[in-house]
Amino acid sequence: MQEKLSFSDRFGLTLTFEPPNQDTYLNIVHYLAQVEQIPLSTEELEFRAKQWATRHNGRSGRSARQFIDFLQGELGMT
């Protein structure tokens, strides 16, 4: 925390990261699902990814990764 504050104090800059829009979020989900070989149809994957984003911290790369990890566990792939 100290380093974050000193960065802001020294340079007067604050970095923020905007959440991705829905299309970008779904692209991340599709990529991760392909890498992990998740056997769901595109429609089901997108529907469930949207539900996940609504129920867990919104759309982000992190929530996409957590969603794929959840699916792997649910489908017995781990």
PDB file of N, CA and C in Angstrom:
ATOM      1  N   MET A   1       0.827  -1.177   0.000  1.00  0.00           N
ATOM      2  CA  MET A   1       0.000   0.000   0.000  1.00  0.00           C
ATOM      3  C   MET A   1       0.876   1.248   0.000  1.00  0.00           C
ATOM      4  N   GLN A   2       1.955   1.223   0.764  1.00  0.00           N
ATOM      5  CA  GLN A   2       2.867   2.365   0.811  1.00  0.00           C
ATOM      6  C   GLN A   2       3.409   2.683  -0.569  1.00  0.00           C
ATOM      7  N   GLU A   3       3.769   1.648  -1.334  1.00  0.00           N
ATOM      8  CA  GLU A   3       4.333   1.872  -2.665  1.00  0.00           C
ATOM      9  C   GLU A   3       3.319   2.534  -3.584  1.00  0.00           C
ATOM     10  N   LYS A   4       2.056   2.136  -3.482  1.00  0.00           N
ATOM     11  CA  LYS A   4       1.018   2.749  -4.304  1.00  0.00           C
ATOM     12  C   LYS A   4       0.872   4.223  -3.971  1.00  0.00           C
ATOM     13  N   LEU A   5       0.888   4.526  -2.683  1.00  0.00           N
ATOM     14  CA  LEU A   5       0.758   5.915  -2.277  1.00  0.00           C
ATOM     15  C   LEU A   5       1.966   6.726  -2.716  1.00  0.00           C
ATOM     16  N   SER A   6       3.153   6.173  -2.578  1.00  0.00           N
ATOM     17  CA  SER A   6       4.340   6.924  -2.959  1.00  0.00           C
ATOM     18  C   SER A   6       4.379   7.140  -4.474  1.00  0.00           C
ATOM     19  N   PHE A   7       3.894   6.192  -5.252  1.00  0.00           N
ATOM     20  CA  PHE A   7       3.814   6.365  -6.698  1.00  0.00           C
ATOM     21  C   PHE A   7       2.935   7.559  -7.038  1.00  0.00           C
ATOM     22  N   SER A   8       1.799   7.621  -6.403  1.00  0.00           N
ATOM     23  CA  SER A   8       0.881   8.731  -6.636  1.00  0.00           C
ATOM     24  C   SER A   8       1.474  10.043  -6.157  1.00  0.00           C
ATOM     25  N   ASP A   9       2.108  10.017  -4.993  1.00  0.00           N
ATOM     26  CA  ASP A   9       2.717  11.235  -4.440  1.00  0.00           C
ATOM     27  C   ASP A   9       3.866  11.743  -5.314  1.00  0.00           C
ATOM     28  N   ARG A  10       4.710  10.842  -5.786  1.00  0.00           N
ATOM     29  CA  ARG A  10       5.884  11.250  -6.568  1.00  0.00           C
ATOM     30  C   ARG A  10       5.527  11.748  -7.954  1.00  0.00           C
ATOM     31  N   PHE A  11       4.599  11.084  -8.609  1.00  0.00           N
ATOM     32  CA  PHE A  11       4.333  11.403 -10.004  1.00  0.00           C
ATOM     33  C   PHE A  11       2.978  12.075 -10.237  1.00  0.00           C
ATOM     34  N   GLY A  12       2.135  12.104  -9.237  1.00  0.00           N
ATOM     35  CA  GLY A  12       0.830  12.720  -9.386  1.00  0.00           C
ATOM     36  C   GLY A  12      -0.084  11.975 -10.350  1.00  0.00           C
ATOM     37  N   LEU A  13       0.173  10.690 -10.511  1.00  0.00           N
ATOM     38  CA  LEU A  13      -0.621   9.885 -11.440  1.00  0.00           C
ATOM     39  C   LEU A  13      -1.404   8.828 -10.695  1.00  0.00           C
ATOM     40  N   THR A  14      -2.583   8.577 -11.171  1.00  0.00           N
ATOM     41  CA  THR A  14      -3.394   7.478 -10.655  1.00  0.00           C
ATOM     42  C   THR A  14      -3.790   6.608 -11.830  1.00  0.00           C
ATOM     43  N   LEU A  15      -3.488   5.332 -11.740  1.00  0.00           N
ATOM     44  CA  LEU A  15      -3.843   4.408 -12.806  1.00  0.00           C
ATOM     45  C   LEU A  15      -5.169   3.752 -12.492  1.00  0.00           C
ATOM     46  N   THR A  16      -6.055   3.756 -13.461  1.00  0.00           N
ATOM     47  CA  THR A  16      -7.324   3.058 -13.313  1.00  0.00           C
ATOM     48  C   THR A  16      -7.503   2.134 -14.502  1.00  0.00           C
ATOM     49  N   PHE A  17      -8.195   1.070 -14.272  1.00  0.00           N
ATOM     50  CA  PHE A  17      -8.467   0.103 -15.323  1.00  0.00           C
ATOM     51  C   PHE A  17      -9.977  -0.014 -15.472  1.00  0.00           C
ATOM     52  N   GLU A  18     -10.459   0.359 -16.643  1.00  0.00           N
ATOM     53  CA  GLU A  18     -11.882   0.274 -16.927  1.00  0.00           C
ATOM     54  C   GLU A  18     -12.262  -1.177 -17.174  1.00  0.00           C
ATOM     55  N   PRO A  19     -13.432  -1.583 -16.697  1.00  0.00           N
ATOM     56  CA  PRO A  19     -13.859  -2.951 -16.982  1.00  0.00           C
ATOM     57  C   PRO A  19     -14.139  -3.110 -18.477  1.00  0.00           C
ATOM     58  N   PRO A  20     -13.895  -4.298 -19.014  1.00  0.00           N
ATOM     59  CA  PRO A  20     -14.155  -4.505 -20.441  1.00  0.00           C
ATOM     60  C   PRO A  20     -15.657  -4.458 -20.723  1.00  0.00           C
ATOM     61  N   ASN A  21     -16.001  -4.101 -21.966  1.00  0.00           N
ATOM     62  CA  ASN A  21     -17.408  -4.164 -22.335  1.00  0.00           C
ATOM     63  C   ASN A  21     -17.804  -5.634 -22.484  1.00  0.00           C
ATOM     64  N   GLN A  22     -19.066  -5.881 -22.718  1.00  0.00           N
ATOM     65  CA  GLN A  22     -19.554  -7.265 -22.743  1.00  0.00           C
ATOM     66  C   GLN A  22     -18.888  -8.090 -23.842  1.00  0.00           C
ATOM     67  N   ASP A  23     -18.703  -7.515 -25.026  1.00  0.00           N
ATOM     68  CA  ASP A  23     -18.074  -8.260 -26.119  1.00  0.00           C
ATOM     69  C   ASP A  23     -16.646  -8.660 -25.777  1.00  0.00           C
ATOM     70  N   THR A  24     -15.892  -7.759 -25.195  1.00  0.00           N
ATOM     71  CA  THR A  24     -14.515  -8.063 -24.808  1.00  0.00           C
ATOM     72  C   THR A  24     -14.486  -9.124 -23.717  1.00  0.00           C
ATOM     73  N   TYR A  25     -15.380  -8.997 -22.740  1.00  0.00           N
ATOM     74  CA  TYR A  25     -15.471 -10.001 -21.666  1.00  0.00           C
ATOM     75  C   TYR A  25     -15.761 -11.383 -22.252  1.00  0.00           C
ATOM     76  N   LEU A  26     -16.717 -11.453 -23.174  1.00  0.00           N
ATOM     77  CA  LEU A  26     -17.061 -12.746 -23.770  1.00  0.00           C
ATOM     78  C   LEU A  26     -15.920 -13.281 -24.629  1.00  0.00           C
ATOM     79  N   ASN A  27     -15.170 -12.404 -25.276  1.00  0.00           N
ATOM     80  CA  ASN A  27     -13.992 -12.852 -26.028  1.00  0.00           C
ATOM     81  C   ASN A  27     -12.964 -13.478 -25.096  1.00  0.00           C
ATOM     82  N   ILE A  28     -12.773 -12.880 -23.934  1.00  0.00           N
ATOM     83  CA  ILE A  28     -11.848 -13.443 -22.939  1.00  0.00           C
ATOM     84  C   ILE A  28     -12.336 -14.813 -22.492  1.00  0.00           C
ATOM     85  N   VAL A  29     -13.633 -14.916 -22.203  1.00  0.00           N
ATOM     86  CA  VAL A  29     -14.219 -16.191 -21.770  1.00  0.00           C
ATOM     87  C   VAL A  29     -14.040 -17.251 -22.852  1.00  0.00           C
ATOM     88  N   HIS A  30     -14.336 -16.896 -24.102  1.00  0.00           N
ATOM     89  CA  HIS A  30     -14.186 -17.858 -25.205  1.00  0.00           C
ATOM     90  C   HIS A  30     -12.744 -18.331 -25.346  1.00  0.00           C
ATOM     91  N   TYR A  31     -11.814 -17.414 -25.250  1.00  0.00           N
ATOM     92  CA  TYR A  31     -10.406 -17.783 -25.357  1.00  0.00           C
ATOM     93  C   TYR A  31     -10.008 -18.751 -24.232  1.00  0.00           C
ATOM     94  N   LEU A  32     -10.356 -18.403 -22.995  1.00  0.00           N
ATOM     95  CA  LEU A  32      -9.992 -19.257 -21.866  1.00  0.00           C
ATOM     96  C   LEU A  32     -10.680 -20.621 -21.959  1.00  0.00           C
ATOM     97  N   ALA A  33     -11.932 -20.627 -22.409  1.00  0.00           N
ATOM     98  CA  ALA A  33     -12.656 -21.889 -22.560  1.00  0.00           C
ATOM     99  C   ALA A  33     -12.003 -22.764 -23.628  1.00  0.00           C
ATOM    100  N   GLN A  34     -11.531 -22.144 -24.686  1.00  0.00           N
ATOM    101  CA  GLN A  34     -10.854 -22.894 -25.746  1.00  0.00           C
ATOM    102  C   GLN A  34      -9.543 -23.481 -25.228  1.00  0.00           C
ATOM    103  N   VAL A  35      -8.781 -22.663 -24.505  1.00  0.00           N
ATOM    104  CA  VAL A  35      -7.502 -23.136 -23.955  1.00  0.00           C
ATOM    105  C   VAL A  35      -7.722 -24.308 -23.006  1.00  0.00           C
ATOM    106  N   GLU A  36      -8.753 -24.211 -22.186  1.00  0.00           N
ATOM    107  CA  GLU A  36      -9.027 -25.251 -21.178  1.00  0.00           C
ATOM    108  C   GLU A  36      -9.925 -26.367 -21.705  1.00  0.00           C
ATOM    109  N   GLN A  37     -10.322 -26.268 -22.979  1.00  0.00           N
ATOM    110  CA  GLN A  37     -11.148 -27.282 -23.642  1.00  0.00           C
ATOM    111  C   GLN A  37     -12.450 -27.544 -22.894  1.00  0.00           C
ATOM    112  N   ILE A  38     -13.164 -26.468 -22.590  1.00  0.00           N
ATOM    113  CA  ILE A  38     -14.464 -26.568 -21.922  1.00  0.00           C
ATOM    114  C   ILE A  38     -15.497 -27.026 -22.954  1.00  0.00           C
ATOM    115  N   PRO A  39     -16.171 -28.147 -22.706  1.00  0.00           N
ATOM    116  CA  PRO A  39     -17.081 -28.712 -23.705  1.00  0.00           C
ATOM    117  C   PRO A  39     -18.516 -28.167 -23.622  1.00  0.00           C
ATOM    118  N   LEU A  40     -18.680 -26.860 -23.759  1.00  0.00           N
ATOM    119  CA  LEU A  40     -20.018 -26.261 -23.761  1.00  0.00           C
ATOM    120  C   LEU A  40     -20.252 -25.567 -25.089  1.00  0.00           C
ATOM    121  N   SER A  41     -21.507 -25.501 -25.492  1.00  0.00           N
ATOM    122  CA  SER A  41     -21.841 -24.771 -26.715  1.00  0.00           C
ATOM    123  C   SER A  41     -21.587 -23.279 -26.491  1.00  0.00           C
ATOM    124  N   THR A  42     -21.437 -22.557 -27.569  1.00  0.00           N
ATOM    125  CA  THR A  42     -21.206 -21.114 -27.497  1.00  0.00           C
ATOM    126  C   THR A  42     -22.341 -20.429 -26.754  1.00  0.00           C
ATOM    127  N   GLU A  43     -23.573 -20.823 -27.063  1.00  0.00           N
ATOM    128  CA  GLU A  43     -24.735 -20.196 -26.433  1.00  0.00           C
ATOM    129  C   GLU A  43     -24.757 -20.427 -24.931  1.00  0.00           C
ATOM    130  N   GLU A  44     -24.506 -21.664 -24.517  1.00  0.00           N
ATOM    131  CA  GLU A  44     -24.516 -21.969 -23.082  1.00  0.00           C
ATOM    132  C   GLU A  44     -23.361 -21.276 -22.364  1.00  0.00           C
ATOM    133  N   LEU A  45     -22.191 -21.286 -22.980  1.00  0.00           N
ATOM    134  CA  LEU A  45     -21.024 -20.640 -22.378  1.00  0.00           C
ATOM    135  C   LEU A  45     -21.288 -19.149 -22.172  1.00  0.00           C
ATOM    136  N   GLU A  46     -21.807 -18.489 -23.193  1.00  0.00           N
ATOM    137  CA  GLU A  46     -22.076 -17.054 -23.085  1.00  0.00           C
ATOM    138  C   GLU A  46     -23.166 -16.757 -22.065  1.00  0.00           C
ATOM    139  N   PHE A  47     -24.232 -17.555 -22.072  1.00  0.00           N
ATOM    140  CA  PHE A  47     -25.317 -17.349 -21.110  1.00  0.00           C
ATOM    141  C   PHE A  47     -24.797 -17.465 -19.683  1.00  0.00           C
ATOM    142  N   ARG A  48     -24.032 -18.513 -19.428  1.00  0.00           N
ATOM    143  CA  ARG A  48     -23.519 -18.736 -18.080  1.00  0.00           C
ATOM    144  C   ARG A  48     -22.460 -17.700 -17.698  1.00  0.00           C
ATOM    145  N   ALA A  49     -21.660 -17.261 -18.669  1.00  0.00           N
ATOM    146  CA  ALA A  49     -20.651 -16.228 -18.392  1.00  0.00           C
ATOM    147  C   ALA A  49     -21.319 -14.910 -18.015  1.00  0.00           C
ATOM    148  N   LYS A  50     -22.406 -14.567 -18.683  1.00  0.00           N
ATOM    149  CA  LYS A  50     -23.136 -13.340 -18.354  1.00  0.00           C
ATOM    150  C   LYS A  50     -23.749 -13.436 -16.959  1.00  0.00           C
ATOM    151  N   GLN A  51     -24.309 -14.600 -16.641  1.00  0.00           N
ATOM    152  CA  GLN A  51     -24.852 -14.798 -15.295  1.00  0.00           C
ATOM    153  C   GLN A  51     -23.754 -14.662 -14.249  1.00  0.00           C
ATOM    154  N   TRP A  52     -22.614 -15.272 -14.517  1.00  0.00           N
ATOM    155  CA  TRP A  52     -21.488 -15.223 -13.583  1.00  0.00           C
ATOM    156  C   TRP A  52     -21.073 -13.771 -13.331  1.00  0.00           C
ATOM    157  N   ALA A  53     -20.957 -12.995 -14.412  1.00  0.00           N
ATOM    158  CA  ALA A  53     -20.540 -11.598 -14.279  1.00  0.00           C
ATOM    159  C   ALA A  53     -21.543 -10.802 -13.451  1.00  0.00           C
ATOM    160  N   THR A  54     -22.810 -11.107 -13.612  1.00  0.00           N
ATOM    161  CA  THR A  54     -23.850 -10.415 -12.855  1.00  0.00           C
ATOM    162  C   THR A  54     -23.764 -10.740 -11.369  1.00  0.00           C
ATOM    163  N   ARG A  55     -23.437 -11.972 -11.060  1.00  0.00           N
ATOM    164  CA  ARG A  55     -23.426 -12.422  -9.661  1.00  0.00           C
ATOM    165  C   ARG A  55     -22.080 -12.265  -8.957  1.00  0.00           C
ATOM    166  N   HIS A  56     -21.005 -12.084  -9.726  1.00  0.00           N
ATOM    167  CA  HIS A  56     -19.658 -12.050  -9.141  1.00  0.00           C
ATOM    168  C   HIS A  56     -18.835 -10.896  -9.716  1.00  0.00           C
ATOM    169  N   ASN A  57     -18.732  -9.812  -9.027  1.00  0.00           N
ATOM    170  CA  ASN A  57     -17.784  -8.733  -9.319  1.00  0.00           C
ATOM    171  C   ASN A  57     -17.814  -8.129 -10.717  1.00  0.00           C
ATOM    172  N   GLY A  58     -18.810  -8.382 -11.528  1.00  0.00           N
ATOM    173  CA  GLY A  58     -18.886  -7.745 -12.842  1.00  0.00           C
ATOM    174  C   GLY A  58     -17.958  -8.368 -13.862  1.00  0.00           C
ATOM    175  N   ARG A  59     -17.791  -7.672 -14.979  1.00  0.00           N
ATOM    176  CA  ARG A  59     -16.974  -8.173 -16.082  1.00  0.00           C
ATOM    177  C   ARG A  59     -15.527  -7.726 -15.913  1.00  0.00           C
ATOM    178  N   SER A  60     -14.635  -8.705 -15.913  1.00  0.00           N
ATOM    179  CA  SER A  60     -13.200  -8.422 -15.873  1.00  0.00           C
ATOM    180  C   SER A  60     -12.461  -9.687 -16.300  1.00  0.00           C
ATOM    181  N   GLY A  61     -11.197  -9.527 -16.595  1.00  0.00           N
ATOM    182  CA  GLY A  61     -10.379 -10.693 -16.905  1.00  0.00           C
ATOM    183  C   GLY A  61     -10.319 -11.658 -15.737  1.00  0.00           C
ATOM    184  N   ARG A  62     -10.271 -11.100 -14.540  1.00  0.00           N
ATOM    185  CA  ARG A  62     -10.223 -11.940 -13.342  1.00  0.00           C
ATOM    186  C   ARG A  62     -11.509 -12.739 -13.168  1.00  0.00           C
ATOM    187  N   SER A  63     -12.670 -12.097 -13.348  1.00  0.00           N
ATOM    188  CA  SER A  63     -13.927 -12.836 -13.190  1.00  0.00           C
ATOM    189  C   SER A  63     -14.085 -13.872 -14.305  1.00  0.00           C
ATOM    190  N   ALA A  64     -13.571 -13.594 -15.506  1.00  0.00           N
ATOM    191  CA  ALA A  64     -13.601 -14.583 -16.590  1.00  0.00           C
ATOM    192  C   ALA A  64     -12.771 -15.802 -16.203  1.00  0.00           C
ATOM    193  N   ARG A  65     -11.580 -15.574 -15.642  1.00  0.00           N
ATOM    194  CA  ARG A  65     -10.728 -16.680 -15.206  1.00  0.00           C
ATOM    195  C   ARG A  65     -11.407 -17.491 -14.095  1.00  0.00           C
ATOM    196  N   GLN A  66     -12.027 -16.799 -13.138  1.00  0.00           N
ATOM    197  CA  GLN A  66     -12.714 -17.485 -12.052  1.00  0.00           C
ATOM    198  C   GLN A  66     -13.892 -18.299 -12.575  1.00  0.00           C
ATOM    199  N   PHE A  67     -14.587 -17.771 -13.567  1.00  0.00           N
ATOM    200  CA  PHE A  67     -15.701 -18.492 -14.179  1.00  0.00           C
ATOM    201  C   PHE A  67     -15.212 -19.780 -14.833  1.00  0.00           C
ATOM    202  N   ILE A  68     -14.137 -19.699 -15.587  1.00  0.00           N
ATOM    203  CA  ILE A  68     -13.592 -20.891 -16.247  1.00  0.00           C
ATOM    204  C   ILE A  68     -13.102 -21.897 -15.210  1.00  0.00           C
ATOM    205  N   ASP A  69     -12.453 -21.424 -14.157  1.00  0.00           N
ATOM    206  CA  ASP A  69     -12.013 -22.324 -13.076  1.00  0.00           C
ATOM    207  C   ASP A  69     -13.213 -23.016 -12.444  1.00  0.00           C
ATOM    208  N   PHE A  70     -14.292 -22.269 -12.227  1.00  0.00           N
ATOM    209  CA  PHE A  70     -15.523 -22.839 -11.673  1.00  0.00           C
ATOM    210  C   PHE A  70     -16.067 -23.925 -12.599  1.00  0.00           C
ATOM    211  N   LEU A  71     -16.115 -23.643 -13.905  1.00  0.00           N
ATOM    212  CA  LEU A  71     -16.629 -24.631 -14.857  1.00  0.00           C
ATOM    213  C   LEU A  71     -15.783 -25.896 -14.849  1.00  0.00           C
ATOM    214  N   GLN A  72     -14.485 -25.731 -14.787  1.00  0.00           N
ATOM    215  CA  GLN A  72     -13.611 -26.906 -14.741  1.00  0.00           C
ATOM    216  C   GLN A  72     -13.942 -27.781 -13.536  1.00  0.00           C
ATOM    217  N   GLY A  73     -14.152 -27.156 -12.384  1.00  0.00           N
ATOM    218  CA  GLY A  73     -14.520 -27.915 -11.202  1.00  0.00           C
ATOM    219  C   GLY A  73     -15.885 -28.556 -11.329  1.00  0.00           C
ATOM    220  N   GLU A  74     -16.831 -27.794 -11.843  1.00  0.00           N
ATOM    221  CA  GLU A  74     -18.196 -28.304 -11.989  1.00  0.00           C
ATOM    222  C   GLU A  74     -18.253 -29.477 -12.976  1.00  0.00           C
ATOM    223  N   LEU A  75     -17.465 -29.398 -14.032  1.00  0.00           N
ATOM    224  CA  LEU A  75     -17.467 -30.443 -15.057  1.00  0.00           C
ATOM    225  C   LEU A  75     -16.495 -31.580 -14.736  1.00  0.00           C
ATOM    226  N   GLY A  76     -15.840 -31.495 -13.577  1.00  0.00           N
ATOM    227  CA  GLY A  76     -14.910 -32.551 -13.154  1.00  0.00           C
ATOM    228  C   GLY A  76     -13.667 -32.633 -14.016  1.00  0.00           C
ATOM    229  N   MET A  77     -13.197 -31.473 -14.463  1.00  0.00           N
ATOM    230  CA  MET A  77     -12.047 -31.446 -15.359  1.00  0.00           C
ATOM    231  C   MET A  77     -10.733 -31.202 -14.629  1.00  0.00           C
ATOM    232  N   THR A  78     -10.763 -30.983 -13.331  1.00  0.00           N
ATOM    233  CA  THR A  78      -9.517 -30.696 -12.617  1.00  0.00           C
ATOM    234  C   THR A  78      -9.008 -31.909 -11.906  1.00  0.00           C
TER     235      THR A  78
END
